[in-house]
Amino acid sequence: MFSSVQRQTARLSHFFPQNARRFQSAAATSSTVNAAEIAHFSRLSSTWWDERGELAMLHRMNPVRVRYIREKLLESTFEDHGEDARREMESRREVLKGMDVLDVGCGGGLLSESLARLGARTLGIDASESNVGIALTHASVDPQLSSSGNSLEYRHASAEQLVKEPKQFDVVCSMEVIEHVDNPLAFLSACAQLVKPGGHLFLSTIARTPLSYFLTILAAEHILREVAVGTHTYSKFIDPSELISFFQSYRPSASSPSTPTDLGDMGSGASPRPWITRTYAHGLPTRLEAEVRGIVYIPWTGEWKLMSRSSTPWGAAQCNYLFWVRRPMDS
């Protein structure tokens, strides 16, 4: 099995050329969990819900992430079913009602709680047991969440562990996680396998650029001390073009969801259609298949701003950005 992982990682490592050596060495293990990263965030677990603490920037970012998820799902509803269906969905307070949503790397539950309040049947998973404990405790004291039956659940688990089960989700989210894992190729594959045909994958991460190093490491960690020192590793940052390239070639296994594959089975049994089939001259995908949107922190307002689609080719995604991709119905 390990030799198969190594062969496929070698074949796919051109998607992330700056990190190819790290991916090759990480292929010797089936786990994407980095013990040092988990220990770091476990130490911060008690501060997850302190809006002025070390995770304050995530609290400020969360409303933007939720609005973007809502916006894309409404847009997809319009494309699939027309304006009347979109308006009906938008008119509901619980916009995500009836959807199964997975939050991979949920931490203390910031995003998971927001999605559950929008009506989604939400499962949050995290490789840190202490983070899951904080998430459970916080949800238990909220009457809306604690009395909502099984609309919000948490589990101490990784994405690759969940792939071994038959469950798939309408929406899979993994926000500010991929830049902290080992073997991001395997992590992306695990997240993708958890998406139902026609479902949505949302990621939030950081581009690997001089600007992102200055803002997220030099300024945020060492000068302003807005984020704990050691939170980010520049070599682990992922460029939008690398995610686009991955999904231009990624094909899920033709086997059942309960049979996991390593880094996507690209053999004879694979689906003939990748998730991204076409890009424009500037390298960005068509908006019906995938999207890259920059998110920029405005220090004088203390808020994050979602940048427009048209600004992405002009450098708006050079630091923090959101990535959305949809799994084809016939894959």
Protein backbone atom coordinates (compact mmCIF):
# COMPACT_ATOMS: atom_id res chain seq x y z
CA MET A 1 0.00 0.00 0.00
CA PHE A 2 2.79 2.47 0.89
CA SER A 3 4.50 1.92 -2.47
CA SER A 4 1.21 2.78 -4.19
CA VAL A 5 0.93 5.99 -2.15
CA GLN A 6 4.50 6.92 -3.03
CA ARG A 7 3.94 6.33 -6.76
CA GLN A 8 0.78 8.41 -6.80
CA THR A 9 2.34 11.18 -4.71
CA ALA A 10 5.25 11.36 -7.14
CA ARG A 11 2.78 11.60 -10.02
CA LEU A 12 0.70 14.33 -8.34
CA SER A 13 3.48 16.32 -6.67
CA HIS A 14 3.82 18.64 -9.67
CA PHE A 15 0.62 20.32 -8.41
CA PHE A 16 2.65 21.69 -5.49
CA PRO A 17 6.20 21.94 -6.92
CA GLN A 18 7.60 23.99 -4.05
CA ASN A 19 6.57 21.28 -1.59
CA ALA A 20 7.26 18.15 -3.63
CA ARG A 21 10.06 16.83 -1.36
CA ARG A 22 7.89 17.18 1.74
CA PHE A 23 5.02 15.38 0.01
CA GLN A 24 7.26 12.54 -1.05
CA SER A 25 8.49 11.92 2.50
CA ALA A 26 4.99 12.25 3.91
CA ALA A 27 3.70 9.56 1.56
CA ALA A 28 5.20 6.88 3.77
CA THR A 29 2.35 7.35 6.23
CA SER A 30 -1.40 7.12 5.73
CA SER A 31 -2.01 9.92 8.25
CA THR A 32 -2.11 13.61 7.34
CA VAL A 33 -2.11 14.67 11.01
CA ASN A 34 0.98 16.60 12.15
CA ALA A 35 1.55 15.92 15.85
CA ALA A 36 3.40 19.19 16.46
CA GLU A 37 0.57 21.22 14.87
CA ILE A 38 -2.04 19.38 16.94
CA ALA A 39 -0.04 20.02 20.11
CA HIS A 40 0.20 23.72 19.23
CA PHE A 41 -3.53 24.16 18.73
CA SER A 42 -4.39 21.94 21.68
CA ARG A 43 -2.47 24.40 23.88
CA LEU A 44 -4.73 27.14 22.54
CA SER A 45 -7.95 25.16 23.01
CA SER A 46 -9.02 27.01 26.16
CA THR A 47 -8.93 30.32 24.24
CA TRP A 48 -11.10 29.27 21.29
CA TRP A 49 -14.08 31.32 22.44
CA ASP A 50 -12.14 34.34 23.71
CA GLU A 51 -12.97 36.91 21.05
CA ARG A 52 -10.06 39.10 22.16
CA GLY A 53 -7.56 36.29 22.68
CA GLU A 54 -4.99 34.65 20.42
CA LEU A 55 -7.71 33.40 18.06
CA ALA A 56 -9.40 36.79 17.72
CA MET A 57 -8.56 36.94 14.00
CA LEU A 58 -10.55 33.74 13.38
CA HIS A 59 -13.56 35.21 15.19
CA ARG A 60 -13.39 38.24 12.92
CA MET A 61 -12.98 36.08 9.83
CA ASN A 62 -15.82 33.68 10.60
CA PRO A 63 -18.73 35.91 9.45
CA VAL A 64 -17.05 36.36 6.05
CA ARG A 65 -16.58 32.60 5.66
CA VAL A 66 -20.23 31.91 6.55
CA ARG A 67 -21.53 34.57 4.16
CA TYR A 68 -19.42 33.13 1.35
CA ILE A 69 -20.70 29.59 1.93
CA ARG A 70 -24.27 30.88 1.96
CA GLU A 71 -23.67 32.95 -1.20
CA LYS A 72 -22.22 30.03 -3.17
CA LEU A 73 -24.98 27.62 -2.18
CA LEU A 74 -27.64 30.15 -3.19
CA GLU A 75 -25.83 30.72 -6.48
CA SER A 76 -25.67 26.97 -7.15
CA THR A 77 -29.36 26.60 -6.34
CA PHE A 78 -30.12 29.26 -8.95
CA GLU A 79 -27.97 27.48 -11.55
CA ASP A 80 -29.58 24.10 -10.79
CA HIS A 81 -33.22 25.02 -10.22
CA GLY A 82 -33.81 28.64 -11.25
CA GLU A 83 -34.60 31.94 -9.60
CA ASP A 84 -37.75 30.80 -7.77
CA ALA A 85 -35.86 28.05 -5.96
CA ARG A 86 -33.07 30.47 -5.06
CA ARG A 87 -35.52 33.00 -3.64
CA GLU A 88 -37.33 30.32 -1.65
CA MET A 89 -34.06 29.12 -0.17
CA GLU A 90 -32.90 32.66 0.60
CA SER A 91 -36.20 33.52 2.32
CA ARG A 92 -35.69 30.79 4.93
CA ARG A 93 -33.92 31.75 8.13
CA GLU A 94 -32.34 28.29 8.11
CA VAL A 95 -30.87 28.51 4.61
CA LEU A 96 -28.99 25.20 4.94
CA LYS A 97 -31.91 23.20 6.31
CA GLY A 98 -31.83 19.58 5.12
CA MET A 99 -28.15 19.62 4.18
CA ASP A 100 -25.47 17.36 5.66
CA VAL A 101 -22.37 19.46 6.35
CA LEU A 102 -18.90 18.39 7.52
CA ASP A 103 -16.43 20.79 9.14
CA VAL A 104 -12.94 19.23 8.94
CA GLY A 105 -10.56 20.65 11.53
CA CYS A 106 -13.42 22.31 13.41
CA GLY A 107 -11.31 23.51 16.33
CA GLY A 108 -13.55 24.88 19.06
CA GLY A 109 -16.58 24.96 16.76
CA LEU A 110 -16.66 28.56 15.45
CA LEU A 111 -17.78 27.59 11.95
CA SER A 112 -19.66 24.44 12.98
CA GLU A 113 -22.00 26.36 15.28
CA SER A 114 -22.67 28.99 12.60
CA LEU A 115 -23.57 26.30 10.04
CA ALA A 116 -25.82 24.48 12.52
CA ARG A 117 -27.69 27.74 13.22
CA LEU A 118 -28.35 28.00 9.48
CA GLY A 119 -30.18 24.67 9.68
CA ALA A 120 -27.49 22.24 8.51
CA ARG A 121 -27.04 18.80 10.06
CA THR A 122 -23.45 19.56 11.01
CA LEU A 123 -20.62 17.25 12.01
CA GLY A 124 -17.41 18.85 13.24
CA ILE A 125 -14.27 16.71 13.40
CA ASP A 126 -10.83 17.58 14.76
CA ALA A 127 -7.60 15.68 15.38
CA SER A 128 -7.21 17.48 18.72
CA GLU A 129 -9.26 15.85 21.47
CA SER A 130 -9.06 18.97 23.64
CA ASN A 131 -10.48 21.11 20.83
CA VAL A 132 -13.42 18.73 20.46
CA GLY A 133 -13.99 18.91 24.22
CA ILE A 134 -14.13 22.71 24.10
CA ALA A 135 -16.54 22.58 21.13
CA LEU A 136 -18.86 20.15 22.93
CA THR A 137 -18.84 22.23 26.10
CA HIS A 138 -19.57 25.49 24.31
CA ALA A 139 -22.44 24.03 22.29
CA SER A 140 -23.98 22.43 25.37
CA VAL A 141 -24.60 25.80 27.05
CA ASP A 142 -26.38 27.26 24.02
CA PRO A 143 -30.12 26.44 24.26
CA GLN A 144 -30.59 26.71 20.49
CA LEU A 145 -27.86 24.16 19.81
CA SER A 146 -28.33 21.84 22.79
CA SER A 147 -32.05 21.46 22.09
CA SER A 148 -31.72 20.91 18.34
CA GLY A 149 -31.51 17.12 18.41
CA ASN A 150 -28.69 15.83 16.23
CA SER A 151 -28.19 19.00 14.17
CA LEU A 152 -24.70 19.53 15.64
CA GLU A 153 -22.29 16.74 16.54
CA TYR A 154 -18.56 16.59 17.17
CA ARG A 155 -16.08 13.75 16.85
CA HIS A 156 -12.39 13.33 17.60
CA ALA A 157 -11.35 12.09 14.16
CA SER A 158 -9.37 12.96 11.03
CA ALA A 159 -10.67 13.23 7.46
CA GLU A 160 -8.95 10.03 6.37
CA GLN A 161 -10.59 8.13 9.24
CA LEU A 162 -14.01 9.35 8.13
CA VAL A 163 -13.42 8.22 4.54
CA LYS A 164 -13.55 4.61 5.78
CA GLU A 165 -17.24 5.12 6.58
CA PRO A 166 -20.02 5.19 3.94
CA LYS A 167 -21.26 8.69 4.83
CA GLN A 168 -20.85 11.55 2.34
CA PHE A 169 -21.89 15.19 2.71
CA ASP A 170 -23.61 17.90 0.70
CA VAL A 171 -20.99 20.38 1.91
CA VAL A 172 -17.47 19.78 3.23
CA CYS A 173 -15.59 22.70 4.77
CA SER A 174 -11.98 22.86 5.92
CA MET A 175 -10.99 26.34 6.96
CA GLU A 176 -7.41 27.30 7.80
CA VAL A 177 -6.44 23.61 8.05
CA ILE A 178 -4.60 22.42 4.93
CA GLU A 179 -1.58 24.63 5.70
CA HIS A 180 -1.15 22.71 8.98
CA VAL A 181 -1.32 19.09 7.76
CA ASP A 182 1.25 16.60 6.57
CA ASN A 183 0.79 15.37 2.99
CA PRO A 184 -1.77 17.92 1.70
CA LEU A 185 -2.36 15.80 -1.42
CA ALA A 186 -3.78 12.97 0.69
CA PHE A 187 -5.70 15.48 2.80
CA LEU A 188 -7.34 17.01 -0.28
CA SER A 189 -8.20 13.57 -1.59
CA ALA A 190 -9.80 12.58 1.73
CA CYS A 191 -11.88 15.77 1.83
CA ALA A 192 -12.95 15.30 -1.80
CA GLN A 193 -14.02 11.69 -1.21
CA LEU A 194 -16.33 12.91 1.58
CA VAL A 195 -18.30 15.13 -0.85
CA LYS A 196 -21.48 13.75 -2.41
CA PRO A 197 -21.82 13.93 -6.22
CA GLY A 198 -23.06 17.44 -6.89
CA GLY A 199 -21.81 18.56 -3.48
CA HIS A 200 -19.49 21.39 -2.51
CA LEU A 201 -16.00 21.66 -1.01
CA PHE A 202 -14.95 24.90 0.68
CA LEU A 203 -11.37 25.60 1.72
CA SER A 204 -9.73 28.62 3.31
CA THR A 205 -5.95 28.91 3.36
CA ILE A 206 -2.95 31.15 2.61
CA ALA A 207 -1.02 31.65 -0.63
CA ARG A 208 2.75 31.13 -0.60
CA THR A 209 3.94 34.61 -1.55
CA PRO A 210 6.31 37.23 -0.13
CA LEU A 211 3.26 39.27 0.86
CA SER A 212 1.76 36.39 2.86
CA TYR A 213 5.06 35.83 4.67
CA PHE A 214 5.24 39.49 5.63
CA LEU A 215 1.62 39.73 6.79
CA THR A 216 0.96 36.36 8.46
CA ILE A 217 4.37 35.52 9.94
CA LEU A 218 6.56 38.60 10.24
CA ALA A 219 3.82 41.12 11.07
CA ALA A 220 1.03 39.05 12.70
CA GLU A 221 3.27 36.70 14.72
CA HIS A 222 6.50 38.57 15.44
CA ILE A 223 5.69 42.29 15.30
CA LEU A 224 2.04 42.76 16.24
CA ARG A 225 1.73 39.51 18.23
CA GLU A 226 -1.84 39.11 16.97
CA VAL A 227 -1.18 35.37 16.42
CA ALA A 228 0.90 32.96 18.49
CA VAL A 229 4.48 32.60 17.24
CA GLY A 230 4.85 29.33 15.35
CA THR A 231 1.24 29.18 14.16
CA HIS A 232 2.27 29.31 10.50
CA THR A 233 4.97 27.61 8.43
CA TYR A 234 5.66 29.41 5.17
CA SER A 235 6.64 26.27 3.23
CA LYS A 236 3.22 24.76 3.97
CA PHE A 237 1.27 27.61 2.40
CA ILE A 238 -0.69 26.60 -0.73
CA ASP A 239 -1.11 28.75 -3.83
CA PRO A 240 -4.55 28.90 -5.50
CA SER A 241 -3.02 27.61 -8.74
CA GLU A 242 -1.94 24.44 -6.91
CA LEU A 243 -5.49 23.71 -5.75
CA ILE A 244 -6.81 24.38 -9.25
CA SER A 245 -4.22 22.03 -10.77
CA PHE A 246 -5.09 19.30 -8.28
CA PHE A 247 -8.78 19.36 -9.18
CA GLN A 248 -8.04 19.56 -12.90
CA SER A 249 -6.55 16.06 -12.62
CA TYR A 250 -8.24 14.59 -9.55
CA ARG A 251 -10.71 11.81 -10.26
CA PRO A 252 -12.48 10.09 -7.37
CA SER A 253 -12.47 6.33 -7.10
CA ALA A 254 -15.24 4.48 -8.87
CA SER A 255 -15.52 2.23 -5.80
CA SER A 256 -18.01 2.84 -3.01
CA PRO A 257 -17.36 5.69 -0.56
CA SER A 258 -16.62 3.15 2.17
CA THR A 259 -13.56 1.93 0.26
CA PRO A 260 -10.89 4.62 0.66
CA THR A 261 -8.24 5.28 -1.96
CA ASP A 262 -4.86 6.95 -1.59
CA LEU A 263 -4.60 10.36 -3.29
CA GLY A 264 -7.36 9.49 -5.73
CA ASP A 265 -7.43 6.42 -7.93
CA MET A 266 -6.29 7.57 -11.36
CA GLY A 267 -6.27 4.10 -12.87
CA SER A 268 -8.66 2.46 -15.31
CA GLY A 269 -11.56 2.46 -12.83
CA ALA A 270 -11.50 6.22 -12.31
CA SER A 271 -14.17 8.66 -13.42
CA PRO A 272 -13.38 10.18 -16.84
CA ARG A 273 -14.26 13.67 -15.62
CA PRO A 274 -12.14 15.78 -13.26
CA TRP A 275 -13.76 18.43 -11.07
CA ILE A 276 -12.29 21.35 -13.04
CA THR A 277 -12.42 20.92 -16.80
CA ARG A 278 -11.69 24.42 -18.11
CA THR A 279 -9.79 27.55 -17.08
CA TYR A 280 -9.54 31.02 -18.56
CA ALA A 281 -6.36 32.57 -19.95
CA HIS A 282 -5.39 33.88 -16.50
CA GLY A 283 -5.58 30.33 -15.08
CA LEU A 284 -8.74 30.73 -13.03
CA PRO A 285 -11.61 28.22 -13.43
CA THR A 286 -15.11 28.88 -14.72
CA ARG A 287 -17.40 30.05 -11.92
CA LEU A 288 -19.72 27.03 -12.20
CA GLU A 289 -16.90 24.59 -11.38
CA ALA A 290 -14.65 26.38 -8.90
CA GLU A 291 -13.76 29.81 -7.56
CA VAL A 292 -10.93 31.65 -5.80
CA ARG A 293 -11.79 34.75 -3.72
CA GLY A 294 -9.32 36.77 -1.70
CA ILE A 295 -10.13 37.84 1.85
CA VAL A 296 -8.31 40.88 3.18
CA TYR A 297 -8.04 42.16 6.74
CA ILE A 298 -8.80 45.89 7.07
CA PRO A 299 -6.92 47.01 10.20
CA TRP A 300 -8.67 50.37 10.61
CA THR A 301 -12.06 48.65 10.80
CA GLY A 302 -10.92 45.44 12.49
CA GLU A 303 -12.87 43.40 9.92
CA TRP A 304 -12.16 41.01 7.05
CA LYS A 305 -13.45 41.82 3.57
CA LEU A 306 -14.33 39.33 0.84
CA MET A 307 -12.85 40.59 -2.40
CA SER A 308 -14.76 40.54 -5.67
CA ARG A 309 -14.35 37.84 -8.31
CA SER A 310 -12.92 40.36 -10.75
CA SER A 311 -10.12 41.32 -8.34
CA THR A 312 -8.67 37.79 -8.08
CA PRO A 313 -6.61 37.93 -11.33
CA TRP A 314 -5.16 41.24 -10.08
CA GLY A 315 -3.61 39.88 -6.90
CA ALA A 316 -6.46 39.88 -4.37
CA ALA A 317 -5.67 36.25 -3.43
CA GLN A 318 -1.97 36.80 -2.73
CA CYS A 319 -2.43 36.15 0.98
CA ASN A 320 -5.62 34.75 2.58
CA TYR A 321 -8.21 33.33 0.21
CA LEU A 322 -11.30 31.13 -0.02
CA PHE A 323 -11.54 28.28 -2.51
CA TRP A 324 -14.75 26.59 -3.62
CA VAL A 325 -15.08 23.61 -5.95
CA ARG A 326 -18.07 21.48 -6.85
CA ARG A 327 -18.02 17.74 -7.40
CA PRO A 328 -19.61 16.81 -10.76
CA MET A 329 -22.83 14.84 -10.57
CA ASP A 330 -21.40 12.15 -12.82
CA SER A 331 -18.23 11.52 -10.81
